[in-house]
């Protein structure tokens, strides 16, 4: 869908929940599989670009750095597994 959009967002010319959700999924996968995702994101420049644009937004950057946001950890959906590449 991103490849077919005419802008930097998934649908339309404005940021949407779909963009925020994709950015969070990418962040979680980068946490869970850092090596694999680094390789895969090289193939998906627009997904990487969307992720970077979302996390560069001032209010999101402040939220990510705040106590309100829980860090990724091994008790939630995105976790690192010892037997998978790090």
PDB file of N, CA and C in Angstrom:
ATOM      1  N   UNK A   1       0.814  -1.179   0.000  1.00  0.00           N
ATOM      2  CA  UNK A   1       0.000   0.000   0.000  1.00  0.00           C
ATOM      3  C   UNK A   1       0.871   1.261   0.000  1.00  0.00           C
ATOM      4  N   UNK A   2       1.917   1.240   0.794  1.00  0.00           N
ATOM      5  CA  UNK A   2       2.810   2.396   0.866  1.00  0.00           C
ATOM      6  C   UNK A   2       3.451   2.671  -0.489  1.00  0.00           C
ATOM      7  N   UNK A   3       3.798   1.611  -1.191  1.00  0.00           N
ATOM      8  CA  UNK A   3       4.420   1.785  -2.499  1.00  0.00           C
ATOM      9  C   UNK A   3       3.463   2.429  -3.500  1.00  0.00           C
ATOM     10  N   UNK A   4       2.152   2.273  -3.298  1.00  0.00           N
ATOM     11  CA  UNK A   4       1.171   2.842  -4.216  1.00  0.00           C
ATOM     12  C   UNK A   4       0.706   4.231  -3.795  1.00  0.00           C
ATOM     13  N   UNK A   5       1.022   4.663  -2.585  1.00  0.00           N
ATOM     14  CA  UNK A   5       0.568   5.974  -2.143  1.00  0.00           C
ATOM     15  C   UNK A   5       1.375   7.059  -2.845  1.00  0.00           C
ATOM     16  N   UNK A   6       0.781   8.237  -2.930  1.00  0.00           N
ATOM     17  CA  UNK A   6       1.467   9.319  -3.641  1.00  0.00           C
ATOM     18  C   UNK A   6       2.240  10.238  -2.707  1.00  0.00           C
ATOM     19  N   UNK A   7       2.190   9.964  -1.438  1.00  0.00           N
ATOM     20  CA  UNK A   7       2.894  10.792  -0.476  1.00  0.00           C
ATOM     21  C   UNK A   7       3.765   9.948   0.420  1.00  0.00           C
ATOM     22  N   UNK A   8       4.093  10.511   1.566  1.00  0.00           N
ATOM     23  CA  UNK A   8       4.934   9.729   2.474  1.00  0.00           C
ATOM     24  C   UNK A   8       4.113   8.940   3.474  1.00  0.00           C
ATOM     25  N   UNK A   9       2.782   9.134   3.486  1.00  0.00           N
ATOM     26  CA  UNK A   9       1.911   8.406   4.418  1.00  0.00           C
ATOM     27  C   UNK A   9       1.205   7.273   3.691  1.00  0.00           C
ATOM     28  N   UNK A  10       0.674   6.338   4.461  1.00  0.00           N
ATOM     29  CA  UNK A  10       0.030   5.164   3.877  1.00  0.00           C
ATOM     30  C   UNK A  10      -1.203   5.511   3.048  1.00  0.00           C
ATOM     31  N   UNK A  11      -2.055   6.336   3.596  1.00  0.00           N
ATOM     32  CA  UNK A  11      -3.322   6.634   2.915  1.00  0.00           C
ATOM     33  C   UNK A  11      -3.558   8.140   2.927  1.00  0.00           C
ATOM     34  N   UNK A  12      -3.480   8.741   1.799  1.00  0.00           N
ATOM     35  CA  UNK A  12      -3.741  10.163   1.725  1.00  0.00           C
ATOM     36  C   UNK A  12      -2.520  11.005   2.016  1.00  0.00           C
ATOM     37  N   UNK A  13      -2.791  12.278   2.223  1.00  0.00           N
ATOM     38  CA  UNK A  13      -1.704  13.239   2.392  1.00  0.00           C
ATOM     39  C   UNK A  13      -1.458  13.616   3.849  1.00  0.00           C
ATOM     40  N   UNK A  14      -2.212  13.001   4.770  1.00  0.00           N
ATOM     41  CA  UNK A  14      -2.062  13.328   6.189  1.00  0.00           C
ATOM     42  C   UNK A  14      -1.725  12.073   6.991  1.00  0.00           C
ATOM     43  N   UNK A  15      -1.044  12.275   8.078  1.00  0.00           N
ATOM     44  CA  UNK A  15      -0.715  11.207   9.016  1.00  0.00           C
ATOM     45  C   UNK A  15      -2.003  10.560   9.519  1.00  0.00           C
ATOM     46  N   UNK A  16      -2.001   9.230   9.646  1.00  0.00           N
ATOM     47  CA  UNK A  16      -3.183   8.514  10.138  1.00  0.00           C
ATOM     48  C   UNK A  16      -2.768   7.476  11.176  1.00  0.00           C
ATOM     49  N   UNK A  17      -3.772   6.866  11.807  1.00  0.00           N
ATOM     50  CA  UNK A  17      -3.492   5.801  12.766  1.00  0.00           C
ATOM     51  C   UNK A  17      -2.774   4.634  12.098  1.00  0.00           C
ATOM     52  N   UNK A  18      -3.051   4.412  10.817  1.00  0.00           N
ATOM     53  CA  UNK A  18      -2.369   3.332  10.096  1.00  0.00           C
ATOM     54  C   UNK A  18      -0.863   3.587  10.054  1.00  0.00           C
ATOM     55  N   UNK A  19      -0.473   4.835   9.845  1.00  0.00           N
ATOM     56  CA  UNK A  19       0.950   5.188   9.830  1.00  0.00           C
ATOM     57  C   UNK A  19       1.577   4.964  11.202  1.00  0.00           C
ATOM     58  N   UNK A  20       0.877   5.419  12.241  1.00  0.00           N
ATOM     59  CA  UNK A  20       1.380   5.246  13.599  1.00  0.00           C
ATOM     60  C   UNK A  20       1.516   3.767  13.940  1.00  0.00           C
ATOM     61  N   UNK A  21       0.530   2.984  13.537  1.00  0.00           N
ATOM     62  CA  UNK A  21       0.564   1.546  13.818  1.00  0.00           C
ATOM     63  C   UNK A  21       1.716   0.858  13.102  1.00  0.00           C
ATOM     64  N   UNK A  22       1.909   1.179  11.828  1.00  0.00           N
ATOM     65  CA  UNK A  22       3.017   0.572  11.079  1.00  0.00           C
ATOM     66  C   UNK A  22       4.359   0.949  11.704  1.00  0.00           C
ATOM     67  N   UNK A  23       4.511   2.193  12.096  1.00  0.00           N
ATOM     68  CA  UNK A  23       5.769   2.629  12.714  1.00  0.00           C
ATOM     69  C   UNK A  23       6.031   1.864  14.012  1.00  0.00           C
ATOM     70  N   UNK A  24       4.981   1.635  14.799  1.00  0.00           N
ATOM     71  CA  UNK A  24       5.141   0.895  16.058  1.00  0.00           C
ATOM     72  C   UNK A  24       5.476  -0.570  15.793  1.00  0.00           C
ATOM     73  N   UNK A  25       4.859  -1.164  14.794  1.00  0.00           N
ATOM     74  CA  UNK A  25       5.173  -2.552  14.432  1.00  0.00           C
ATOM     75  C   UNK A  25       6.628  -2.662  13.989  1.00  0.00           C
ATOM     76  N   UNK A  26       7.073  -1.737  13.163  1.00  0.00           N
ATOM     77  CA  UNK A  26       8.470  -1.741  12.714  1.00  0.00           C
ATOM     78  C   UNK A  26       9.401  -1.596  13.915  1.00  0.00           C
ATOM     79  N   UNK A  27       9.093  -0.679  14.819  1.00  0.00           N
ATOM     80  CA  UNK A  27       9.934  -0.489  16.012  1.00  0.00           C
ATOM     81  C   UNK A  27      10.005  -1.774  16.831  1.00  0.00           C
ATOM     82  N   UNK A  28       8.871  -2.447  16.988  1.00  0.00           N
ATOM     83  CA  UNK A  28       8.851  -3.703  17.747  1.00  0.00           C
ATOM     84  C   UNK A  28       9.646  -4.794  17.072  1.00  0.00           C
ATOM     85  N   UNK A  29       9.527  -4.896  15.763  1.00  0.00           N
ATOM     86  CA  UNK A  29      10.284  -5.909  15.034  1.00  0.00           C
ATOM     87  C   UNK A  29      11.782  -5.620  15.050  1.00  0.00           C
ATOM     88  N   UNK A  30      12.145  -4.344  15.004  1.00  0.00           N
ATOM     89  CA  UNK A  30      13.566  -3.978  15.108  1.00  0.00           C
ATOM     90  C   UNK A  30      14.099  -4.379  16.475  1.00  0.00           C
ATOM     91  N   UNK A  31      13.290  -4.212  17.509  1.00  0.00           N
ATOM     92  CA  UNK A  31      13.697  -4.642  18.856  1.00  0.00           C
ATOM     93  C   UNK A  31      13.848  -6.169  18.909  1.00  0.00           C
ATOM     94  N   UNK A  32      12.862  -6.879  18.371  1.00  0.00           N
ATOM     95  CA  UNK A  32      12.860  -8.339  18.459  1.00  0.00           C
ATOM     96  C   UNK A  32      13.917  -8.992  17.572  1.00  0.00           C
ATOM     97  N   UNK A  33      14.099  -8.447  16.387  1.00  0.00           N
ATOM     98  CA  UNK A  33      15.006  -9.042  15.398  1.00  0.00           C
ATOM     99  C   UNK A  33      15.909  -7.972  14.791  1.00  0.00           C
ATOM    100  N   UNK A  34      16.816  -7.390  15.556  1.00  0.00           N
ATOM    101  CA  UNK A  34      17.601  -6.257  15.052  1.00  0.00           C
ATOM    102  C   UNK A  34      18.405  -6.556  13.784  1.00  0.00           C
ATOM    103  N   UNK A  35      19.059  -7.686  13.730  1.00  0.00           N
ATOM    104  CA  UNK A  35      19.881  -8.007  12.551  1.00  0.00           C
ATOM    105  C   UNK A  35      19.013  -8.236  11.318  1.00  0.00           C
ATOM    106  N   UNK A  36      18.006  -9.065  11.460  1.00  0.00           N
ATOM    107  CA  UNK A  36      17.134  -9.389  10.326  1.00  0.00           C
ATOM    108  C   UNK A  36      16.409  -8.154   9.825  1.00  0.00           C
ATOM    109  N   UNK A  37      15.901  -7.344  10.736  1.00  0.00           N
ATOM    110  CA  UNK A  37      15.156  -6.153  10.322  1.00  0.00           C
ATOM    111  C   UNK A  37      16.065  -5.131   9.652  1.00  0.00           C
ATOM    112  N   UNK A  38      17.287  -5.014  10.092  1.00  0.00           N
ATOM    113  CA  UNK A  38      18.224  -4.098   9.444  1.00  0.00           C
ATOM    114  C   UNK A  38      18.371  -4.487   7.966  1.00  0.00           C
ATOM    115  N   UNK A  39      18.488  -5.784   7.713  1.00  0.00           N
ATOM    116  CA  UNK A  39      18.617  -6.267   6.334  1.00  0.00           C
ATOM    117  C   UNK A  39      17.316  -6.045   5.553  1.00  0.00           C
ATOM    118  N   UNK A  40      16.197  -6.377   6.170  1.00  0.00           N
ATOM    119  CA  UNK A  40      14.908  -6.270   5.486  1.00  0.00           C
ATOM    120  C   UNK A  40      14.528  -4.823   5.203  1.00  0.00           C
ATOM    121  N   UNK A  41      14.813  -3.927   6.127  1.00  0.00           N
ATOM    122  CA  UNK A  41      14.445  -2.532   5.924  1.00  0.00           C
ATOM    123  C   UNK A  41      15.255  -1.873   4.812  1.00  0.00           C
ATOM    124  N   UNK A  42      16.422  -2.420   4.507  1.00  0.00           N
ATOM    125  CA  UNK A  42      17.184  -1.908   3.355  1.00  0.00           C
ATOM    126  C   UNK A  42      16.408  -2.119   2.059  1.00  0.00           C
ATOM    127  N   UNK A  43      15.598  -3.170   2.031  1.00  0.00           N
ATOM    128  CA  UNK A  43      14.787  -3.479   0.856  1.00  0.00           C
ATOM    129  C   UNK A  43      13.504  -2.643   0.805  1.00  0.00           C
ATOM    130  N   UNK A  44      13.140  -2.033   1.920  1.00  0.00           N
ATOM    131  CA  UNK A  44      11.866  -1.310   2.038  1.00  0.00           C
ATOM    132  C   UNK A  44      12.138   0.121   2.488  1.00  0.00           C
ATOM    133  N   UNK A  45      12.740   0.885   1.621  1.00  0.00           N
ATOM    134  CA  UNK A  45      13.146   2.250   1.981  1.00  0.00           C
ATOM    135  C   UNK A  45      11.971   3.120   2.407  1.00  0.00           C
ATOM    136  N   UNK A  46      10.814   2.958   1.789  1.00  0.00           N
ATOM    137  CA  UNK A  46       9.667   3.797   2.157  1.00  0.00           C
ATOM    138  C   UNK A  46       9.125   3.426   3.532  1.00  0.00           C
ATOM    139  N   UNK A  47       9.181   2.162   3.901  1.00  0.00           N
ATOM    140  CA  UNK A  47       8.754   1.762   5.248  1.00  0.00           C
ATOM    141  C   UNK A  47       9.718   2.342   6.272  1.00  0.00           C
ATOM    142  N   UNK A  48      11.009   2.253   6.009  1.00  0.00           N
ATOM    143  CA  UNK A  48      12.013   2.844   6.894  1.00  0.00           C
ATOM    144  C   UNK A  48      11.796   4.352   6.998  1.00  0.00           C
ATOM    145  N   UNK A  49      11.524   4.978   5.889  1.00  0.00           N
ATOM    146  CA  UNK A  49      11.301   6.415   5.844  1.00  0.00           C
ATOM    147  C   UNK A  49      10.073   6.816   6.660  1.00  0.00           C
ATOM    148  N   UNK A  50       8.988   6.054   6.519  1.00  0.00           N
ATOM    149  CA  UNK A  50       7.782   6.328   7.295  1.00  0.00           C
ATOM    150  C   UNK A  50       8.071   6.178   8.785  1.00  0.00           C
ATOM    151  N   UNK A  51       8.724   5.093   9.165  1.00  0.00           N
ATOM    152  CA  UNK A  51       9.093   4.868  10.566  1.00  0.00           C
ATOM    153  C   UNK A  51       9.904   6.042  11.104  1.00  0.00           C
ATOM    154  N   UNK A  52      10.912   6.446  10.362  1.00  0.00           N
ATOM    155  CA  UNK A  52      11.779   7.543  10.801  1.00  0.00           C
ATOM    156  C   UNK A  52      11.004   8.852  10.911  1.00  0.00           C
ATOM    157  N   UNK A  53      10.107   9.105   9.955  1.00  0.00           N
ATOM    158  CA  UNK A  53       9.318  10.344   9.981  1.00  0.00           C
ATOM    159  C   UNK A  53       8.388  10.385  11.191  1.00  0.00           C
ATOM    160  N   UNK A  54       7.790   9.248  11.514  1.00  0.00           N
ATOM    161  CA  UNK A  54       6.896   9.188  12.683  1.00  0.00           C
ATOM    162  C   UNK A  54       7.686   9.464  13.953  1.00  0.00           C
ATOM    163  N   UNK A  55       8.793   8.756  14.138  1.00  0.00           N
ATOM    164  CA  UNK A  55       9.545   8.879  15.384  1.00  0.00           C
ATOM    165  C   UNK A  55      10.353  10.166  15.472  1.00  0.00           C
ATOM    166  N   UNK A  56      10.425  10.929  14.394  1.00  0.00           N
ATOM    167  CA  UNK A  56      11.095  12.235  14.416  1.00  0.00           C
ATOM    168  C   UNK A  56      10.135  13.364  14.793  1.00  0.00           C
ATOM    169  N   UNK A  57       8.842  13.082  14.799  1.00  0.00           N
ATOM    170  CA  UNK A  57       7.866  14.118  15.151  1.00  0.00           C
ATOM    171  C   UNK A  57       8.077  14.536  16.600  1.00  0.00           C
ATOM    172  N   UNK A  58       8.104  15.826  16.877  1.00  0.00           N
ATOM    173  CA  UNK A  58       8.441  16.303  18.226  1.00  0.00           C
ATOM    174  C   UNK A  58       7.582  15.715  19.347  1.00  0.00           C
ATOM    175  N   UNK A  59       6.290  15.649  19.160  1.00  0.00           N
ATOM    176  CA  UNK A  59       5.439  15.127  20.238  1.00  0.00           C
ATOM    177  C   UNK A  59       5.653  13.633  20.447  1.00  0.00           C
ATOM    178  N   UNK A  60       5.875  12.902  19.371  1.00  0.00           N
ATOM    179  CA  UNK A  60       6.129  11.466  19.506  1.00  0.00           C
ATOM    180  C   UNK A  60       7.497  11.243  20.123  1.00  0.00           C
ATOM    181  N   UNK A  61       8.471  12.040  19.716  1.00  0.00           N
ATOM    182  CA  UNK A  61       9.815  11.934  20.308  1.00  0.00           C
ATOM    183  C   UNK A  61       9.754  12.181  21.815  1.00  0.00           C
ATOM    184  N   UNK A  62       8.975  13.189  22.225  1.00  0.00           N
ATOM    185  CA  UNK A  62       8.822  13.461  23.672  1.00  0.00           C
ATOM    186  C   UNK A  62       8.138  12.297  24.374  1.00  0.00           C
ATOM    187  N   UNK A  63       7.106  11.746  23.761  1.00  0.00           N
ATOM    188  CA  UNK A  63       6.409  10.607  24.359  1.00  0.00           C
ATOM    189  C   UNK A  63       7.337   9.403  24.504  1.00  0.00           C
ATOM    190  N   UNK A  64       8.090   9.112  23.455  1.00  0.00           N
ATOM    191  CA  UNK A  64       9.002   7.958  23.486  1.00  0.00           C
ATOM    192  C   UNK A  64      10.039   8.119  24.601  1.00  0.00           C
ATOM    193  N   UNK A  65      10.467   9.329  24.845  1.00  0.00           N
ATOM    194  CA  UNK A  65      11.453   9.580  25.892  1.00  0.00           C
ATOM    195  C   UNK A  65      10.863   9.745  27.275  1.00  0.00           C
ATOM    196  N   UNK A  66       9.545   9.666  27.388  1.00  0.00           N
ATOM    197  CA  UNK A  66       8.892   9.902  28.681  1.00  0.00           C
ATOM    198  C   UNK A  66       8.704   8.606  29.463  1.00  0.00           C
ATOM    199  N   UNK A  67       8.311   8.758  30.703  1.00  0.00           N
ATOM    200  CA  UNK A  67       8.021   7.605  31.563  1.00  0.00           C
ATOM    201  C   UNK A  67       6.712   6.932  31.176  1.00  0.00           C
ATOM    202  N   UNK A  68       5.885   7.635  30.407  1.00  0.00           N
ATOM    203  CA  UNK A  68       4.583   7.079  30.027  1.00  0.00           C
ATOM    204  C   UNK A  68       4.723   5.901  29.069  1.00  0.00           C
ATOM    205  N   UNK A  69       5.740   5.912  28.242  1.00  0.00           N
ATOM    206  CA  UNK A  69       5.907   4.823  27.280  1.00  0.00           C
ATOM    207  C   UNK A  69       6.694   3.694  27.912  1.00  0.00           C
ATOM    208  N   UNK A  70       6.125   2.512  27.838  1.00  0.00           N
ATOM    209  CA  UNK A  70       6.817   1.333  28.346  1.00  0.00           C
ATOM    210  C   UNK A  70       7.852   0.889  27.327  1.00  0.00           C
ATOM    211  N   UNK A  71       9.042   0.594  27.794  1.00  0.00           N
ATOM    212  CA  UNK A  71      10.082   0.078  26.913  1.00  0.00           C
ATOM    213  C   UNK A  71       9.707  -1.323  26.443  1.00  0.00           C
ATOM    214  N   UNK A  72      10.206  -1.691  25.269  1.00  0.00           N
ATOM    215  CA  UNK A  72      10.047  -3.071  24.844  1.00  0.00           C
ATOM    216  C   UNK A  72      10.755  -3.940  25.871  1.00  0.00           C
ATOM    217  N   UNK A  73      10.207  -5.118  26.128  1.00  0.00           N
ATOM    218  CA  UNK A  73      10.804  -6.012  27.115  1.00  0.00           C
ATOM    219  C   UNK A  73      10.441  -7.447  26.762  1.00  0.00           C
ATOM    220  N   UNK A  74      10.950  -8.386  27.501  1.00  0.00           N
ATOM    221  CA  UNK A  74      10.723  -9.791  27.190  1.00  0.00           C
ATOM    222  C   UNK A  74       9.438 -10.354  27.778  1.00  0.00           C
ATOM    223  N   UNK A  75       8.559  -9.489  28.266  1.00  0.00           N
ATOM    224  CA  UNK A  75       7.281  -9.940  28.802  1.00  0.00           C
ATOM    225  C   UNK A  75       6.107  -9.552  27.913  1.00  0.00           C
ATOM    226  N   UNK A  76       6.355  -8.872  26.839  1.00  0.00           N
ATOM    227  CA  UNK A  76       5.285  -8.393  25.971  1.00  0.00           C
ATOM    228  C   UNK A  76       5.351  -9.045  24.596  1.00  0.00           C
ATOM    229  N   UNK A  77       4.591  -8.483  23.671  1.00  0.00           N
ATOM    230  CA  UNK A  77       4.494  -9.033  22.321  1.00  0.00           C
ATOM    231  C   UNK A  77       5.848  -9.107  21.623  1.00  0.00           C
ATOM    232  N   UNK A  78       6.589  -8.013  21.646  1.00  0.00           N
ATOM    233  CA  UNK A  78       7.895  -7.981  20.995  1.00  0.00           C
ATOM    234  C   UNK A  78       8.963  -8.322  22.016  1.00  0.00           C
ATOM    235  N   UNK A  79       9.635  -9.418  21.809  1.00  0.00           N
ATOM    236  CA  UNK A  79      10.683  -9.856  22.732  1.00  0.00           C
ATOM    237  C   UNK A  79      11.814 -10.457  21.928  1.00  0.00           C
ATOM    238  N   UNK A  80      12.967 -10.493  22.515  1.00  0.00           N
ATOM    239  CA  UNK A  80      14.112 -11.120  21.853  1.00  0.00           C
ATOM    240  C   UNK A  80      14.190 -12.570  22.298  1.00  0.00           C
ATOM    241  N   UNK A  81      14.446 -13.424  21.345  1.00  0.00           N
ATOM    242  CA  UNK A  81      14.563 -14.840  21.624  1.00  0.00           C
ATOM    243  C   UNK A  81      16.020 -15.251  21.489  1.00  0.00           C
ATOM    244  N   UNK A  82      16.486 -16.042  22.419  1.00  0.00           N
ATOM    245  CA  UNK A  82      17.903 -16.446  22.408  1.00  0.00           C
ATOM    246  C   UNK A  82      18.270 -17.265  21.186  1.00  0.00           C
ATOM    247  N   UNK A  83      17.339 -18.091  20.704  1.00  0.00           N
ATOM    248  CA  UNK A  83      17.686 -18.969  19.604  1.00  0.00           C
ATOM    249  C   UNK A  83      17.503 -18.315  18.232  1.00  0.00           C
ATOM    250  N   UNK A  84      17.070 -17.057  18.174  1.00  0.00           N
ATOM    251  CA  UNK A  84      16.937 -16.351  16.906  1.00  0.00           C
ATOM    252  C   UNK A  84      18.043 -15.314  16.791  1.00  0.00           C
ATOM    253  N   UNK A  85      18.352 -14.878  15.570  1.00  0.00           N
ATOM    254  CA  UNK A  85      19.395 -13.854  15.412  1.00  0.00           C
ATOM    255  C   UNK A  85      19.039 -12.586  16.165  1.00  0.00           C
ATOM    256  N   UNK A  86      20.062 -11.957  16.713  1.00  0.00           N
ATOM    257  CA  UNK A  86      19.829 -10.724  17.472  1.00  0.00           C
ATOM    258  C   UNK A  86      19.975  -9.525  16.582  1.00  0.00           C
TER     259      UNK A  86
END
